Amino acid sequence: FQKQTKQYHEHCCVPQCTASSKYNGLLSFHGFPRDLELRRQWLVSIRRDKLKLTLHSKVCSLHFTPDQLLQPKAAGGRRMVNRGAVPVLFPWSHQSVAPPTAGPGEPQRRPDPADPAVGFSLLDHDYCSVPEPADLDTAVNENETLKEEMNALKEPKIPSSFGLQRFAGSDDDIRFYTFESYRLFLMFWRLVEPSVHKMIRSSGPIDELLLFLMYLAAGLQEGDLANRFQIQPSTASRIICSWADYLYSLLGSLCIWIDADAVRAQLPEDFRDFPDTRVIVGCSELRCQTPASALLHTEMSSKSKTQCVMRGLMGVAPHGAVTFVSSLYEGSVSDTELFMRSGLADRLTEDMAVMVGKGFLTSDLVKCKVYRPPFLGTKPQMASQNVLQAQKVARLRVRVERATRRVKENKLFDSVIPLSVVGNINKLFTVACLLVNYQN
């Protein structure tokens, strides 16, 4: 292989001087003297007393008189500066500093037209290798501005034709896609806005939030969303995944479990017969496409040849706030096992009470009191007090059923979930459950 070596060219560091060894081989370039006093005189003379010197800081021969320069002793040698000489010829002085030209027998070295540096104005350019601190600050600021502009070009911008402002005047449209009203949407946005720029790089995050909520609420496919917002389907997919991760981390970091005093302070009048109720438990089932694996197909409790089931647990306080959300489990798990695997039993103490449905046989598995509709058992007819108890519990459990219905009203969960979404379904389900607390 042919070894290539980089050719370095010297430049003059005197202001307004454009001399370069690349374009004029007749000039000589001289480094600053080692003597500190003499070096200071050079810096003052060239009007750069604050210059930080390096090995590449040179002054060309144009700024020395002929008697200050020593001719080379041999052909091809370099000219030297007389000891104690100080440059005196400058554009701002009365003496001319025209560059020398080649003699009759010497070729004239001309600038290369293809070189990009030739196209710039070199009148006031500083050729020193280490610029002034002020020049460095300017260059850094310009560099940061260019980086911001490049990042803005890389970040997908959602056109304003299909954004939040389109629905600002219609609560019906906002209700169909996201929250109950435009005002509630903005209230939720103000809650998440302070940290959104730390997690998501975007030039239009509020419209990206709208896209994500439309994906949940309306169940629109990524291709449909991409067409509405005039972006690529891959960009829509990235936005959905980014916002699912962000809201899962942000909303999940808040403690939604309410202490006993707060629950009692907001206890509805209907619970006067069950004053120690801390949480009402309900179960949600999601349908998803059948996986190719026969083992996974069996564990997920298939309802048909093309659909499987995943189950999750939700707990609400008596006044309706969502206070507990579990992960999703395979559909073959029973209500009792789902209750124990969810971790809710670890939060219940002896002074609390939990209200559950008939399928949750947890009386012997938890320390607290359990309110559950009574069973008929072996008797031909249920006792009157048990009938009243079942009716009261069923009427009060409507609160958790309402919260569950709000989650299932998201069309993403109301229909069969494609396998491409199953890997992210836990985060999407948790976010949908936690959003119930912000929707009314």
Protein backbone atom coordinates (compact mmCIF):
# COMPACT_ATOMS: atom_id res chain seq x y z
CA PHE A 1 0.00 0.00 0.00
CA GLN A 2 1.15 3.48 -0.79
CA LYS A 3 1.71 5.50 2.37
CA GLN A 4 0.16 8.93 2.20
CA THR A 5 1.51 11.83 4.25
CA LYS A 6 -0.46 14.99 5.06
CA GLN A 7 1.16 18.24 3.94
CA TYR A 8 0.94 21.08 6.42
CA HIS A 9 0.94 24.70 5.30
CA GLU A 10 1.98 27.68 7.39
CA HIS A 11 -0.08 30.82 7.77
CA CYS A 12 0.72 34.26 9.08
CA CYS A 13 -0.98 35.21 12.36
CA VAL A 14 -0.77 38.98 11.75
CA PRO A 15 -4.26 40.56 11.47
CA GLN A 16 -5.38 41.36 7.90
CA CYS A 17 -2.51 39.31 6.44
CA THR A 18 -3.54 36.54 4.03
CA ALA A 19 -0.10 35.05 3.44
CA SER A 20 0.10 31.26 3.26
CA SER A 21 2.89 28.88 2.27
CA LYS A 22 0.32 26.97 0.21
CA TYR A 23 -0.07 29.81 -2.30
CA ASN A 24 3.30 31.58 -2.13
CA GLY A 25 6.48 29.54 -1.92
CA LEU A 26 8.73 32.64 -1.94
CA LEU A 27 7.70 33.72 1.54
CA SER A 28 9.34 32.54 4.73
CA PHE A 29 7.52 32.08 8.05
CA HIS A 30 9.23 32.74 11.37
CA GLY A 31 8.29 31.55 14.84
CA PHE A 32 8.25 33.80 17.90
CA PRO A 33 11.55 34.21 19.78
CA ARG A 34 12.23 32.40 23.02
CA ASP A 35 13.33 35.59 24.80
CA LEU A 36 10.28 36.72 26.80
CA GLU A 37 10.89 40.46 26.38
CA LEU A 38 11.52 40.16 22.67
CA ARG A 39 8.46 37.93 22.29
CA ARG A 40 6.37 40.59 24.08
CA GLN A 41 7.65 43.22 21.62
CA TRP A 42 6.60 41.01 18.69
CA LEU A 43 3.09 40.60 20.13
CA VAL A 44 2.71 44.32 20.76
CA SER A 45 4.03 45.14 17.31
CA ILE A 46 1.55 42.85 15.52
CA ARG A 47 -1.24 44.10 17.83
CA ARG A 48 -1.96 40.68 19.34
CA ASP A 49 -0.60 41.01 22.87
CA LYS A 50 -3.18 38.47 24.17
CA LEU A 51 -2.39 35.78 21.60
CA LYS A 52 -1.81 32.29 22.98
CA LEU A 53 1.27 31.09 21.17
CA THR A 54 1.80 27.61 19.77
CA LEU A 55 4.35 25.98 17.50
CA HIS A 56 2.18 27.00 14.53
CA SER A 57 2.09 30.72 15.39
CA LYS A 58 4.17 32.32 12.65
CA VAL A 59 4.93 35.78 11.22
CA CYS A 60 5.71 35.88 7.50
CA SER A 61 8.66 37.68 5.91
CA LEU A 62 6.36 40.41 4.53
CA HIS A 63 6.48 42.12 7.94
CA PHE A 64 10.29 42.41 8.15
CA THR A 65 12.52 44.84 6.30
CA PRO A 66 15.21 43.35 3.99
CA ASP A 67 18.00 44.16 6.44
CA GLN A 68 16.19 42.25 9.19
CA LEU A 69 16.28 38.99 7.19
CA LEU A 70 19.32 36.77 6.63
CA GLN A 71 19.59 35.03 3.31
CA PRO A 72 19.90 31.22 3.43
CA LYS A 73 23.44 29.87 3.45
CA ALA A 74 22.61 27.12 0.95
CA ALA A 75 20.22 26.78 -1.95
CA GLY A 76 16.79 25.70 -0.77
CA GLY A 77 17.51 26.72 2.83
CA ARG A 78 15.27 28.86 5.01
CA ARG A 79 15.80 32.54 5.66
CA MET A 80 16.35 33.54 9.26
CA VAL A 81 15.56 36.71 11.22
CA ASN A 82 18.38 38.82 12.64
CA ARG A 83 18.81 38.52 16.39
CA GLY A 84 16.74 41.21 18.12
CA ALA A 85 14.69 42.07 15.01
CA VAL A 86 11.02 43.03 15.50
CA PRO A 87 8.41 42.99 12.68
CA VAL A 88 7.57 46.52 11.58
CA LEU A 89 5.76 46.29 8.21
CA PHE A 90 1.96 46.04 8.53
CA PRO A 91 -1.12 47.08 6.54
CA TRP A 92 -1.83 49.81 9.08
CA SER A 93 1.75 51.23 8.79
CA HIS A 94 2.96 53.68 6.13
CA GLN A 95 5.21 51.16 4.43
CA SER A 96 4.05 48.75 1.76
CA VAL A 97 3.84 45.00 2.42
CA ALA A 98 3.11 43.78 -1.10
CA PRO A 99 3.96 40.10 -1.48
CA PRO A 100 7.01 39.24 -3.60
CA THR A 101 6.51 37.85 -7.07
CA ALA A 102 8.45 35.15 -8.82
CA GLY A 103 11.39 36.08 -10.98
CA PRO A 104 11.53 35.62 -14.76
CA GLY A 105 12.90 32.10 -14.45
CA GLU A 106 10.81 31.01 -11.48
CA PRO A 107 7.26 29.64 -11.75
CA GLN A 108 4.58 31.63 -10.00
CA ARG A 109 2.57 29.51 -7.47
CA ARG A 110 -1.10 30.30 -7.85
CA PRO A 111 -4.02 29.39 -5.59
CA ASP A 112 -5.84 26.24 -6.55
CA PRO A 113 -9.36 27.24 -7.77
CA ALA A 114 -10.70 23.91 -6.56
CA ASP A 115 -9.63 24.62 -3.00
CA PRO A 116 -12.69 25.68 -0.96
CA ALA A 117 -10.68 28.15 1.07
CA VAL A 118 -10.10 30.32 -1.98
CA GLY A 119 -13.79 31.11 -2.26
CA PHE A 120 -13.87 32.94 1.06
CA SER A 121 -12.92 36.56 1.67
CA LEU A 122 -9.52 36.52 3.36
CA LEU A 123 -9.22 40.24 4.00
CA ASP A 124 -9.69 40.16 7.78
CA HIS A 125 -9.08 36.48 8.46
CA ASP A 126 -6.82 35.44 11.32
CA TYR A 127 -4.57 32.54 10.41
CA CYS A 128 -3.16 31.79 13.81
CA SER A 129 -3.68 28.17 14.90
CA VAL A 130 -5.11 29.13 18.32
CA PRO A 131 -7.88 31.76 18.11
CA GLU A 132 -8.70 34.41 20.66
CA PRO A 133 -11.05 33.40 23.56
CA ALA A 134 -13.75 35.70 22.19
CA ASP A 135 -13.47 34.00 18.80
CA LEU A 136 -13.75 30.62 20.51
CA ASP A 137 -16.95 31.69 22.30
CA THR A 138 -18.46 32.89 19.05
CA ALA A 139 -17.53 29.67 17.29
CA VAL A 140 -19.01 27.56 20.11
CA ASN A 141 -22.28 29.52 20.03
CA GLU A 142 -22.52 29.19 16.26
CA ASN A 143 -21.78 25.46 16.55
CA GLU A 144 -24.52 24.97 19.16
CA THR A 145 -26.98 26.90 16.99
CA LEU A 146 -26.17 24.70 14.01
CA LYS A 147 -26.62 21.55 16.13
CA GLU A 148 -30.03 22.75 17.34
CA GLU A 149 -31.09 23.50 13.77
CA MET A 150 -29.91 20.07 12.60
CA ASN A 151 -31.75 18.33 15.45
CA ALA A 152 -34.88 20.28 14.63
CA LEU A 153 -34.64 19.07 11.04
CA LYS A 154 -34.17 15.46 12.17
CA GLU A 155 -37.09 15.53 14.61
CA PRO A 156 -40.39 14.79 12.91
CA LYS A 157 -42.74 17.74 13.08
CA ILE A 158 -46.45 16.98 13.07
CA PRO A 159 -48.23 19.38 10.68
CA SER A 160 -50.60 21.78 12.37
CA SER A 161 -53.45 20.76 10.03
CA PHE A 162 -54.18 17.74 12.25
CA GLY A 163 -53.13 18.70 15.76
CA LEU A 164 -54.62 19.67 19.08
CA GLN A 165 -55.69 23.13 17.91
CA ARG A 166 -58.03 21.53 15.40
CA PHE A 167 -60.17 20.21 18.29
CA ALA A 168 -59.85 23.21 20.61
CA GLY A 169 -63.39 24.39 19.92
CA SER A 170 -65.15 21.03 20.19
CA ASP A 171 -65.32 19.02 23.41
CA ASP A 172 -67.22 16.31 21.54
CA ASP A 173 -64.26 15.65 19.26
CA ILE A 174 -61.82 15.74 22.17
CA ARG A 175 -64.06 13.33 24.11
CA PHE A 176 -64.06 10.90 21.23
CA TYR A 177 -60.27 10.87 20.99
CA THR A 178 -58.96 11.62 24.50
CA PHE A 179 -60.40 13.29 27.62
CA GLU A 180 -63.86 14.55 28.52
CA SER A 181 -63.05 18.10 27.44
CA TYR A 182 -60.36 20.30 25.95
CA ARG A 183 -59.87 21.89 29.39
CA LEU A 184 -59.16 18.53 31.03
CA PHE A 185 -56.67 17.69 28.28
CA LEU A 186 -54.76 20.92 28.94
CA MET A 187 -54.85 20.31 32.70
CA PHE A 188 -53.25 16.89 32.20
CA TRP A 189 -50.71 18.36 29.78
CA ARG A 190 -49.62 20.93 32.38
CA LEU A 191 -48.96 18.07 34.81
CA VAL A 192 -46.64 16.15 32.46
CA GLU A 193 -45.09 19.08 30.59
CA PRO A 194 -42.33 19.99 33.12
CA SER A 195 -40.52 16.67 32.56
CA VAL A 196 -41.51 15.79 29.01
CA HIS A 197 -38.47 17.43 27.38
CA LYS A 198 -36.12 15.45 29.63
CA MET A 199 -37.56 12.17 28.39
CA ILE A 200 -38.69 12.80 24.82
CA ARG A 201 -36.88 14.72 22.08
CA SER A 202 -39.61 16.33 20.05
CA SER A 203 -40.51 19.68 18.54
CA GLY A 204 -44.27 19.12 19.05
CA PRO A 205 -44.80 17.02 22.20
CA ILE A 206 -48.39 18.12 22.85
CA ASP A 207 -49.45 16.84 19.42
CA GLU A 208 -47.50 13.63 20.04
CA LEU A 209 -49.49 13.18 23.27
CA LEU A 210 -52.66 13.64 21.23
CA LEU A 211 -51.49 10.96 18.78
CA PHE A 212 -50.77 8.52 21.63
CA LEU A 213 -54.14 9.10 23.28
CA MET A 214 -55.88 8.66 19.93
CA TYR A 215 -54.07 5.34 19.58
CA LEU A 216 -55.47 4.24 22.96
CA ALA A 217 -58.95 5.74 22.83
CA ALA A 218 -59.87 5.31 19.17
CA GLY A 219 -57.76 2.20 18.54
CA LEU A 220 -56.43 3.67 15.29
CA GLN A 221 -53.73 1.73 13.48
CA GLU A 222 -50.26 3.20 13.06
CA GLY A 223 -50.76 3.60 9.32
CA ASP A 224 -54.01 5.51 9.89
CA LEU A 225 -52.36 7.80 12.44
CA ALA A 226 -49.43 8.38 10.10
CA ASN A 227 -51.84 9.41 7.34
CA ARG A 228 -53.77 11.77 9.62
CA PHE A 229 -50.68 13.46 11.04
CA GLN A 230 -48.76 13.32 7.72
CA ILE A 231 -45.79 11.41 9.10
CA GLN A 232 -44.19 8.05 8.39
CA PRO A 233 -45.69 4.90 9.98
CA SER A 234 -42.33 4.20 11.63
CA THR A 235 -42.46 7.67 13.20
CA ALA A 236 -45.96 7.02 14.53
CA SER A 237 -44.75 3.72 16.01
CA ARG A 238 -41.80 5.46 17.67
CA ILE A 239 -44.08 8.13 19.15
CA ILE A 240 -46.43 5.50 20.60
CA CYS A 241 -43.59 3.51 22.18
CA SER A 242 -41.89 6.65 23.54
CA TRP A 243 -45.05 7.99 25.17
CA ALA A 244 -46.01 4.58 26.55
CA ASP A 245 -42.60 4.34 28.25
CA TYR A 246 -42.73 7.96 29.45
CA LEU A 247 -46.25 7.89 30.92
CA TYR A 248 -45.66 4.44 32.42
CA SER A 249 -42.58 5.78 34.23
CA LEU A 250 -44.10 9.14 35.20
CA LEU A 251 -47.58 8.07 36.32
CA GLY A 252 -46.26 4.83 37.79
CA SER A 253 -43.81 6.73 39.98
CA LEU A 254 -46.70 8.41 41.82
CA CYS A 255 -48.12 6.62 44.87
CA ILE A 256 -51.80 6.01 44.07
CA TRP A 257 -52.45 3.86 47.15
CA ILE A 258 -54.47 6.06 49.54
CA ASP A 259 -54.05 5.84 53.30
CA ALA A 260 -56.96 4.97 55.59
CA ASP A 261 -57.58 8.52 56.85
CA ALA A 262 -57.93 9.89 53.31
CA VAL A 263 -60.30 7.08 52.35
CA ARG A 264 -62.49 7.69 55.39
CA ALA A 265 -62.53 11.42 54.73
CA GLN A 266 -64.01 10.82 51.26
CA LEU A 267 -66.15 7.80 52.10
CA PRO A 268 -69.53 8.00 50.28
CA GLU A 269 -72.76 7.74 52.24
CA ASP A 270 -73.55 4.41 50.55
CA PHE A 271 -70.72 2.77 52.50
CA ARG A 272 -72.13 3.46 55.95
CA ASP A 273 -72.63 -0.31 56.41
CA PHE A 274 -69.06 -0.99 55.20
CA PRO A 275 -67.06 1.89 56.73
CA ASP A 276 -63.74 0.02 56.86
CA THR A 277 -63.66 -0.73 53.12
CA ARG A 278 -60.28 0.27 51.76
CA VAL A 279 -60.36 -1.03 48.19
CA ILE A 280 -62.85 -2.61 45.78
CA VAL A 281 -61.33 -5.18 43.45
CA GLY A 282 -62.30 -6.01 39.88
CA CYS A 283 -60.79 -7.95 37.00
CA SER A 284 -60.28 -6.97 33.34
CA GLU A 285 -59.84 -9.33 30.42
CA LEU A 286 -58.09 -8.40 27.18
CA ARG A 287 -58.31 -10.37 23.96
CA CYS A 288 -55.22 -10.80 21.84
CA GLN A 289 -54.20 -12.74 18.78
CA THR A 290 -53.21 -16.37 19.24
CA PRO A 291 -49.42 -16.87 19.40
CA ALA A 292 -47.79 -19.43 17.18
CA SER A 293 -46.43 -21.38 20.17
CA ALA A 294 -48.80 -24.14 21.24
CA LEU A 295 -47.59 -23.85 24.86
CA LEU A 296 -48.33 -20.10 25.04
CA HIS A 297 -51.63 -20.74 23.34
CA THR A 298 -52.63 -23.12 26.17
CA GLU A 299 -51.41 -20.88 29.02
CA MET A 300 -53.27 -17.85 27.70
CA SER A 301 -56.61 -19.70 27.83
CA SER A 302 -57.85 -19.60 24.27
CA LYS A 303 -61.47 -18.65 23.70
CA SER A 304 -61.21 -19.50 20.01
CA LYS A 305 -58.68 -20.64 17.48
CA THR A 306 -57.65 -17.05 16.76
CA GLN A 307 -57.99 -15.31 20.16
CA CYS A 308 -56.37 -15.65 23.59
CA VAL A 309 -57.05 -13.87 26.89
CA MET A 310 -54.87 -11.85 29.27
CA ARG A 311 -56.18 -10.81 32.68
CA GLY A 312 -55.34 -7.89 34.98
CA LEU A 313 -56.51 -6.71 38.41
CA MET A 314 -57.69 -3.19 39.26
CA GLY A 315 -58.54 -1.75 42.67
CA VAL A 316 -60.49 1.44 43.35
CA ALA A 317 -61.21 3.36 46.54
CA PRO A 318 -64.87 3.70 47.68
CA HIS A 319 -65.06 7.19 46.17
CA GLY A 320 -63.94 5.87 42.75
CA ALA A 321 -60.22 6.69 42.45
CA VAL A 322 -57.99 3.97 40.98
CA THR A 323 -55.58 2.97 43.77
CA PHE A 324 -54.11 -0.31 42.48
CA VAL A 325 -53.19 -1.78 39.08
CA SER A 326 -51.58 -5.19 38.55
CA SER A 327 -49.61 -6.58 35.68
CA LEU A 328 -51.32 -8.71 33.06
CA TYR A 329 -51.29 -12.49 33.46
CA GLU A 330 -52.26 -15.42 31.28
CA GLY A 331 -55.97 -16.03 30.94
CA SER A 332 -55.80 -19.45 32.59
CA VAL A 333 -55.15 -17.93 36.04
CA SER A 334 -58.13 -17.94 38.44
CA ASP A 335 -59.48 -14.85 40.22
CA THR A 336 -58.05 -16.03 43.54
CA GLU A 337 -54.62 -16.74 42.11
CA LEU A 338 -54.66 -13.43 40.24
CA PHE A 339 -55.44 -11.63 43.51
CA MET A 340 -52.51 -13.28 45.31
CA ARG A 341 -50.01 -12.89 42.44
CA SER A 342 -50.87 -9.22 41.99
CA GLY A 343 -49.30 -8.24 45.33
CA LEU A 344 -52.43 -6.50 46.64
CA ALA A 345 -52.63 -8.86 49.63
CA ASP A 346 -49.30 -7.48 50.91
CA ARG A 347 -50.86 -4.00 51.26
CA LEU A 348 -53.84 -5.11 53.33
CA THR A 349 -53.72 -5.09 57.13
CA GLU A 350 -56.08 -6.39 59.81
CA ASP A 351 -57.85 -3.04 60.31
CA MET A 352 -58.87 -2.86 56.63
CA ALA A 353 -61.57 -4.49 54.53
CA VAL A 354 -61.54 -5.45 50.85
CA MET A 355 -64.63 -5.84 48.67
CA VAL A 356 -64.44 -8.53 45.98
CA GLY A 357 -66.66 -10.50 43.60
CA LYS A 358 -67.85 -14.07 43.98
CA GLY A 359 -64.84 -15.55 42.19
CA PHE A 360 -62.29 -14.20 44.69
CA LEU A 361 -62.07 -16.89 47.37
CA THR A 362 -59.57 -14.98 49.47
CA SER A 363 -61.08 -15.06 52.97
CA ASP A 364 -58.47 -17.51 54.25
CA LEU A 365 -55.58 -15.94 52.36
CA VAL A 366 -55.61 -12.37 53.68
CA LYS A 367 -55.41 -10.85 57.14
CA CYS A 368 -58.17 -8.31 56.62
CA LYS A 369 -61.95 -8.57 56.43
CA VAL A 370 -63.42 -9.56 53.06
CA TYR A 371 -66.80 -8.34 51.78
CA ARG A 372 -68.06 -10.77 49.15
CA PRO A 373 -71.55 -11.73 47.92
CA PRO A 374 -72.61 -14.86 49.87
CA PHE A 375 -73.05 -18.21 48.14
CA LEU A 376 -76.25 -20.20 48.10
CA GLY A 377 -74.46 -23.31 49.30
CA THR A 378 -76.46 -26.51 49.80
CA LYS A 379 -79.61 -24.72 50.95
CA PRO A 380 -82.51 -24.53 48.48
CA GLN A 381 -83.02 -20.83 49.20
CA MET A 382 -80.71 -18.05 50.37
CA ALA A 383 -81.48 -16.40 53.69
CA SER A 384 -83.02 -12.94 53.52
CA GLN A 385 -80.08 -11.26 55.22
CA ASN A 386 -77.71 -12.88 52.72
CA VAL A 387 -79.85 -11.63 49.86
CA LEU A 388 -79.66 -8.09 51.21
CA GLN A 389 -75.90 -8.48 51.72
CA ALA A 390 -75.42 -9.65 48.12
CA GLN A 391 -77.48 -6.77 46.77
CA LYS A 392 -75.56 -4.18 48.78
CA VAL A 393 -72.16 -5.53 47.75
CA ALA A 394 -73.20 -5.79 44.12
CA ARG A 395 -74.48 -2.18 44.16
CA LEU A 396 -71.26 -0.88 45.70
CA ARG A 397 -69.02 -2.88 43.37
CA VAL A 398 -70.45 -0.82 40.53
CA ARG A 399 -67.64 1.66 41.22
CA VAL A 400 -64.91 -0.75 40.18
CA GLU A 401 -67.00 -1.89 37.23
CA ARG A 402 -67.26 1.73 36.07
CA ALA A 403 -63.48 2.12 36.26
CA THR A 404 -63.00 -1.15 34.40
CA ARG A 405 -65.48 -0.02 31.76
CA ARG A 406 -63.59 3.24 31.32
CA VAL A 407 -60.44 1.26 30.56
CA LYS A 408 -62.28 -1.04 28.16
CA GLU A 409 -63.77 2.00 26.40
CA ASN A 410 -60.32 2.47 24.92
CA LYS A 411 -60.84 0.82 21.55
CA LEU A 412 -57.34 -0.63 21.65
CA PHE A 413 -58.49 -2.99 24.44
CA ASP A 414 -62.05 -3.39 23.24
CA SER A 415 -60.91 -5.17 20.09
CA VAL A 416 -58.50 -8.04 19.49
CA ILE A 417 -54.97 -6.85 20.28
CA PRO A 418 -52.44 -7.73 17.54
CA LEU A 419 -49.33 -9.70 18.47
CA SER A 420 -47.16 -6.75 17.44
CA VAL A 421 -48.52 -4.83 20.45
CA VAL A 422 -48.41 -7.66 23.00
CA GLY A 423 -44.79 -6.92 23.92
CA ASN A 424 -45.83 -3.43 25.07
CA ILE A 425 -49.31 -4.27 26.34
CA ASN A 426 -48.46 -4.19 30.06
CA LYS A 427 -47.36 -0.56 29.85
CA LEU A 428 -50.33 0.42 27.69
CA PHE A 429 -52.79 -1.26 30.07
CA THR A 430 -51.23 0.36 33.16
CA VAL A 431 -51.23 3.81 31.55
CA ALA A 432 -54.88 3.41 30.52
CA CYS A 433 -55.84 2.45 34.09
CA LEU A 434 -53.93 5.35 35.64
CA LEU A 435 -55.39 7.84 33.15
CA VAL A 436 -58.85 7.12 34.63
CA ASN A 437 -57.86 9.31 37.61
CA TYR A 438 -57.29 12.28 35.29
CA GLN A 439 -60.32 11.97 33.04
CA ASN A 440 -63.03 13.43 35.28
